[in-house]
Amino acid sequence: MKDFKSYTEESAGNAPAGDSRLNSTVETAKLITAAMSGKSAAQIMQTVVAEAERGKREGTLTNADLDNFYNALSPLLDGAKKRRLKEIISRLKSI
């Protein structure tokens, strides 16, 4: 995982099929899927949190970016995973 900037509302929006933002998002998803292939959920979570912490400390990841990431991902999760993600987002916001 490179960064969270790709999870902004603008890039997660409902773009037309030929829109370059949609194509970019699909390509990013393919790259992330390939990078995470064969890793456990714990390893993936550790990677995501470490990247987010680095971004917060460097000032390249804002609380708004974290909110956008949560809003994009949470509909795909069940109740327990959604609560866990919300806890992680809250912790990251305090950095």
Protein backbone atom coordinates (compact mmCIF):
# COMPACT_ATOMS: atom_id res chain seq x y z
CA MET A 1 0.00 0.00 0.00
CA LYS A 2 1.43 3.33 -1.02
CA ASP A 3 -0.90 5.97 0.49
CA PHE A 4 -4.47 6.88 1.38
CA LYS A 5 -4.88 9.81 -1.00
CA SER A 6 -6.60 7.52 -3.52
CA TYR A 7 -9.53 7.15 -1.10
CA THR A 8 -10.80 10.71 -1.33
CA GLU A 9 -14.42 11.39 -2.21
CA GLU A 10 -13.33 12.70 -5.58
CA SER A 11 -11.60 9.47 -6.61
CA ALA A 12 -14.23 7.26 -4.97
CA GLY A 13 -17.09 9.08 -6.71
CA ASN A 14 -19.42 7.63 -9.30
CA ALA A 15 -17.45 8.37 -12.44
CA PRO A 16 -18.61 7.44 -15.95
CA ALA A 17 -17.21 4.19 -17.32
CA GLY A 18 -14.67 5.95 -19.54
CA ASP A 19 -13.54 8.37 -16.84
CA SER A 20 -9.80 8.25 -16.20
CA ARG A 21 -10.38 8.54 -12.43
CA LEU A 22 -12.38 5.31 -12.49
CA ASN A 23 -9.70 3.58 -14.54
CA SER A 24 -7.05 4.85 -12.14
CA THR A 25 -9.03 3.58 -9.15
CA VAL A 26 -9.46 0.16 -10.75
CA GLU A 27 -5.74 -0.03 -11.55
CA THR A 28 -4.88 1.01 -7.98
CA ALA A 29 -7.21 -1.68 -6.63
CA LYS A 30 -5.48 -4.28 -8.82
CA LEU A 31 -2.05 -3.20 -7.56
CA ILE A 32 -3.16 -3.28 -3.93
CA THR A 33 -4.76 -6.70 -4.41
CA ALA A 34 -1.58 -8.08 -5.92
CA ALA A 35 0.57 -6.57 -3.16
CA MET A 36 -1.62 -8.05 -0.43
CA SER A 37 -2.11 -11.45 -2.04
CA GLY A 38 -1.17 -14.28 0.30
CA LYS A 39 -1.03 -12.06 3.39
CA SER A 40 -3.19 -12.61 6.44
CA ALA A 41 -5.79 -10.09 7.55
CA ALA A 42 -3.53 -9.19 10.48
CA GLN A 43 -0.58 -8.50 8.16
CA ILE A 44 -2.75 -6.35 5.90
CA MET A 45 -4.14 -4.41 8.86
CA GLN A 46 -0.64 -3.86 10.24
CA THR A 47 0.50 -2.50 6.85
CA VAL A 48 -2.50 -0.17 6.53
CA VAL A 49 -2.11 1.21 10.06
CA ALA A 50 1.66 1.68 9.69
CA GLU A 51 1.16 3.61 6.42
CA ALA A 52 -1.56 5.75 7.96
CA GLU A 53 0.58 6.53 11.01
CA ARG A 54 3.47 7.52 8.75
CA GLY A 55 1.17 9.74 6.68
CA LYS A 56 -0.24 11.45 9.78
CA ARG A 57 3.22 12.13 11.17
CA GLU A 58 4.47 13.48 7.83
CA GLY A 59 1.38 15.64 7.42
CA THR A 60 0.33 13.98 4.16
CA LEU A 61 -2.75 12.29 5.64
CA THR A 62 -5.51 14.46 7.09
CA ASN A 63 -8.47 13.63 9.28
CA ALA A 64 -10.68 14.34 6.26
CA ASP A 65 -8.72 11.71 4.30
CA LEU A 66 -9.32 9.24 7.12
CA ASP A 67 -13.04 10.04 7.13
CA ASN A 68 -13.20 9.54 3.36
CA PHE A 69 -11.37 6.22 3.68
CA TYR A 70 -13.79 5.07 6.40
CA ASN A 71 -16.83 6.18 4.39
CA ALA A 72 -15.59 4.33 1.30
CA LEU A 73 -14.70 1.11 3.10
CA SER A 74 -17.27 0.77 5.89
CA PRO A 75 -20.22 -0.28 3.70
CA LEU A 76 -18.20 -3.34 2.70
CA LEU A 77 -17.65 -4.50 6.29
CA ASP A 78 -19.77 -6.36 8.83
CA GLY A 79 -20.57 -4.85 12.23
CA ALA A 80 -17.51 -6.06 14.13
CA LYS A 81 -15.07 -5.10 11.38
CA LYS A 82 -16.74 -1.73 10.96
CA ARG A 83 -16.39 -1.02 14.71
CA ARG A 84 -12.72 -2.08 14.58
CA LEU A 85 -12.06 0.22 11.62
CA LYS A 86 -13.79 3.09 13.44
CA GLU A 87 -11.53 2.50 16.48
CA ILE A 88 -8.44 2.53 14.30
CA ILE A 89 -9.55 5.71 12.51
CA SER A 90 -10.18 7.40 15.87
CA ARG A 91 -6.72 6.40 17.09
CA LEU A 92 -5.11 7.69 13.90
CA LYS A 93 -6.93 11.00 14.18
CA SER A 94 -5.32 11.57 17.57
CA ILE A 95 -1.79 11.41 16.08
